[in-house]
C-alpha atoms as a PDB file:
ATOM      1  CA  MET A   1       3.066 195.045 -22.637  1.00  0.00           C
ATOM      2  CA  SER A   2       6.812 194.772 -22.666  1.00  0.00           C
ATOM      3  CA  GLU A   3       8.699 197.821 -21.312  1.00  0.00           C
ATOM      4  CA  GLU A   4      10.597 197.735 -24.469  1.00  0.00           C
ATOM      5  CA  VAL A   5       7.971 198.439 -27.013  1.00  0.00           C
ATOM      6  CA  TYR A   6       5.627 201.325 -26.516  1.00  0.00           C
ATOM      7  CA  GLY A   7       2.558 199.889 -29.091  1.00  0.00           C
ATOM      8  CA  PRO A   8      -0.571 201.228 -30.285  1.00  0.00           C
ATOM      9  CA  GLU A   9      -2.364 199.778 -27.072  1.00  0.00           C
ATOM     10  CA  ARG A  10       0.087 201.384 -24.459  1.00  0.00           C
ATOM     11  CA  ALA A  11      -0.414 204.526 -26.374  1.00  0.00           C
ATOM     12  CA  GLN A  12      -4.048 204.568 -26.512  1.00  0.00           C
ATOM     13  CA  ARG A  13      -3.687 203.744 -22.524  1.00  0.00           C
ATOM     14  CA  LEU A  14      -1.597 206.827 -21.859  1.00  0.00           C
ATOM     15  CA  VAL A  15      -4.102 209.315 -23.916  1.00  0.00           C
ATOM     16  CA  THR A  16      -6.912 207.727 -21.506  1.00  0.00           C
ATOM     17  CA  LEU A  17      -4.708 208.289 -18.706  1.00  0.00           C
ATOM     18  CA  LEU A  18      -4.362 212.017 -19.460  1.00  0.00           C
ATOM     19  CA  ARG A  19      -7.860 212.611 -20.267  1.00  0.00           C
ATOM     20  CA  VAL A  20      -9.102 211.404 -17.127  1.00  0.00           C
ATOM     21  CA  LEU A  21      -6.415 212.945 -15.505  1.00  0.00           C
ATOM     22  CA  ALA A  22      -7.460 216.321 -16.765  1.00  0.00           C
ATOM     23  CA  GLU A  23     -10.966 215.318 -16.153  1.00  0.00           C
ATOM     24  CA  ARG A  24     -10.519 214.524 -12.603  1.00  0.00           C
ATOM     25  CA  ILE A  25      -9.025 218.258 -12.300  1.00  0.00           C
ATOM     26  CA  GLN A  26     -11.938 220.016 -13.925  1.00  0.00           C
ATOM     27  CA  GLU A  27     -14.312 218.134 -11.422  1.00  0.00           C
ATOM     28  CA  LEU A  28     -12.137 219.261  -8.696  1.00  0.00           C
ATOM     29  CA  ASP A  29     -12.144 222.733  -9.776  1.00  0.00           C
ATOM     30  CA  ARG A  30     -16.254 222.676 -10.636  1.00  0.00           C
ATOM     31  CA  THR A  31     -16.489 221.324  -7.146  1.00  0.00           C
ATOM     32  CA  GLY A  32     -13.689 224.000  -5.307  1.00  0.00           C
ATOM     33  CA  ARG A  33     -11.652 221.426  -4.116  1.00  0.00           C
ATOM     34  CA  LEU A  34      -8.835 221.508  -6.472  1.00  0.00           C
ATOM     35  CA  LEU A  35      -5.987 222.224  -3.719  1.00  0.00           C
ATOM     36  CA  ASP A  36      -7.582 219.419  -1.177  1.00  0.00           C
ATOM     37  CA  ALA A  37      -7.074 216.747  -3.523  1.00  0.00           C
ATOM     38  CA  ALA A  38      -3.721 217.562  -3.646  1.00  0.00           C
ATOM     39  CA  PRO A  39      -2.370 213.921  -2.283  1.00  0.00           C
ATOM     40  CA  GLU A  40      -4.745 212.379  -4.964  1.00  0.00           C
ATOM     41  CA  LEU A  41      -3.206 214.956  -7.516  1.00  0.00           C
ATOM     42  CA  GLN A  42       0.342 213.976  -6.635  1.00  0.00           C
ATOM     43  CA  LYS A  43      -0.236 210.062  -7.172  1.00  0.00           C
ATOM     44  CA  LEU A  44      -2.434 210.570 -10.853  1.00  0.00           C
ATOM     45  CA  LEU A  45       0.412 213.324 -11.774  1.00  0.00           C
ATOM     46  CA  GLY A  46       3.223 211.285 -11.026  1.00  0.00           C
ATOM     47  CA  ASN A  47       1.589 207.870 -12.697  1.00  0.00           C
ATOM     48  CA  ALA A  48       1.058 210.421 -15.906  1.00  0.00           C
ATOM     49  CA  ARG A  49       4.376 211.839 -15.637  1.00  0.00           C
ATOM     50  CA  SER A  50       6.377 208.155 -15.527  1.00  0.00           C
ATOM     51  CA  GLU A  51       4.324 207.069 -18.526  1.00  0.00           C
ATOM     52  CA  LEU A  52       4.971 210.328 -20.707  1.00  0.00           C
ATOM     53  CA  PHE A  53       8.491 209.455 -19.837  1.00  0.00           C
ATOM     54  CA  HIS A  54       8.174 206.232 -21.406  1.00  0.00           C
ATOM     55  CA  TYR A  55       6.656 207.137 -24.205  1.00  0.00           C
ATOM     56  CA  GLU A  56       8.863 210.231 -25.117  1.00  0.00           C
ATOM     57  CA  VAL A  57      11.880 207.791 -24.922  1.00  0.00           C
ATOM     58  CA  ARG A  58      10.359 204.827 -26.474  1.00  0.00           C
ATOM     59  CA  SER A  59      12.452 205.203 -29.393  1.00  0.00           C
ATOM     60  CA  THR A  60      15.626 204.537 -27.625  1.00  0.00           C
ATOM     61  CA  TYR A  61      13.759 201.275 -26.622  1.00  0.00           C
ATOM     62  CA  ASP A  62      15.430 198.543 -28.841  1.00  0.00           C
ATOM     63  CA  THR A  63      13.423 195.373 -29.680  1.00  0.00           C
ATOM     64  CA  PRO A  64      15.819 192.206 -28.776  1.00  0.00           C
ATOM     65  CA  GLU A  65      16.578 191.457 -32.710  1.00  0.00           C
ATOM     66  CA  VAL A  66      17.591 194.753 -32.825  1.00  0.00           C
ATOM     67  CA  ALA A  67      19.641 195.109 -29.399  1.00  0.00           C
ATOM     68  CA  GLU A  68      21.390 191.610 -30.971  1.00  0.00           C
ATOM     69  CA  SER A  69      22.319 193.244 -34.154  1.00  0.00           C
ATOM     70  CA  ARG A  70      23.679 196.573 -32.326  1.00  0.00           C
ATOM     71  CA  ARG A  71      25.283 194.121 -30.343  1.00  0.00           C
ATOM     72  CA  ILE A  72      26.784 191.948 -33.181  1.00  0.00           C
ATOM     73  CA  VAL A  73      28.062 195.135 -34.807  1.00  0.00           C
ATOM     74  CA  GLU A  74      29.390 196.512 -32.043  1.00  0.00           C
ATOM     75  CA  GLU A  75      31.292 193.594 -31.090  1.00  0.00           C
ATOM     76  CA  ALA A  76      32.866 193.366 -34.854  1.00  0.00           C
ATOM     77  CA  LEU A  77      33.832 196.877 -34.579  1.00  0.00           C
ATOM     78  CA  GLY A  78      35.367 196.483 -31.106  1.00  0.00           C
ATOM     79  CA  ASP A  79      37.481 193.601 -32.015  1.00  0.00           C
ATOM     80  CA  SER A  80      39.371 195.072 -34.835  1.00  0.00           C
ATOM     81  CA  GLU A  81      43.014 196.279 -34.290  1.00  0.00           C
ATOM     82  CA  LEU A  82      42.845 197.768 -37.388  1.00  0.00           C
ATOM     83  CA  SER A  83      43.120 201.902 -37.465  1.00  0.00           C
ATOM     84  CA  LEU A  84      42.160 203.476 -40.626  1.00  0.00           C
ATOM     85  CA  ASP A  85      42.192 206.960 -38.892  1.00  0.00           C
ATOM     86  CA  ASP A  86      45.598 207.269 -38.030  1.00  0.00           C
ATOM     87  CA  PRO A  87      47.091 209.219 -40.642  1.00  0.00           C
ATOM     88  CA  ASP A  88      50.883 208.546 -39.555  1.00  0.00           C
ATOM     89  CA  ASP A  89      50.087 204.523 -40.306  1.00  0.00           C
ATOM     90  CA  ASP A  90      51.365 204.108 -43.807  1.00  0.00           C
ATOM     91  CA  GLU A  91      50.692 200.274 -43.264  1.00  0.00           C
ATOM     92  CA  PRO A  92      47.757 200.054 -41.499  1.00  0.00           C
ATOM     93  CA  TRP A  93      46.901 196.334 -42.312  1.00  0.00           C
ATOM     94  CA  ARG A  94      49.809 195.487 -40.935  1.00  0.00           C
ATOM     95  CA  GLY A  95      47.937 195.725 -37.157  1.00  0.00           C
ATOM     96  CA  GLY A  96      51.115 196.600 -35.281  1.00  0.00           C
ATOM     97  CA  GLY A  97      50.403 200.364 -35.130  1.00  0.00           C
ATOM     98  CA  LYS A  98      53.034 202.589 -35.598  1.00  0.00           C
ATOM     99  CA  SER A  99      56.340 200.417 -35.532  1.00  0.00           C
ATOM    100  CA  LYS A 100      58.033 200.548 -38.952  1.00  0.00           C
ATOM    101  CA  ALA A 101      61.360 198.776 -39.808  1.00  0.00           C
END
């Protein structure tokens, strides 16, 4: 699955990953080996942390179509020399800024 899209299949894999991690911790705890398995747990926790991060920020990912639309809008807004926010400019359509003859 693409990194840009966090679909239902990937979300289900994350749930499974978290459940496996929880089960492994419980198993190690029951057998009294919780701290002995520190390297294994570090790896499992790292994988879970990374995937949780991607899940958390999934809303900031753009599909290619959304990214293209955003680019078009930003390009259109960025090319304008017209500033309607300048209160001292009585004729903003002239594009010359504050120069008044």
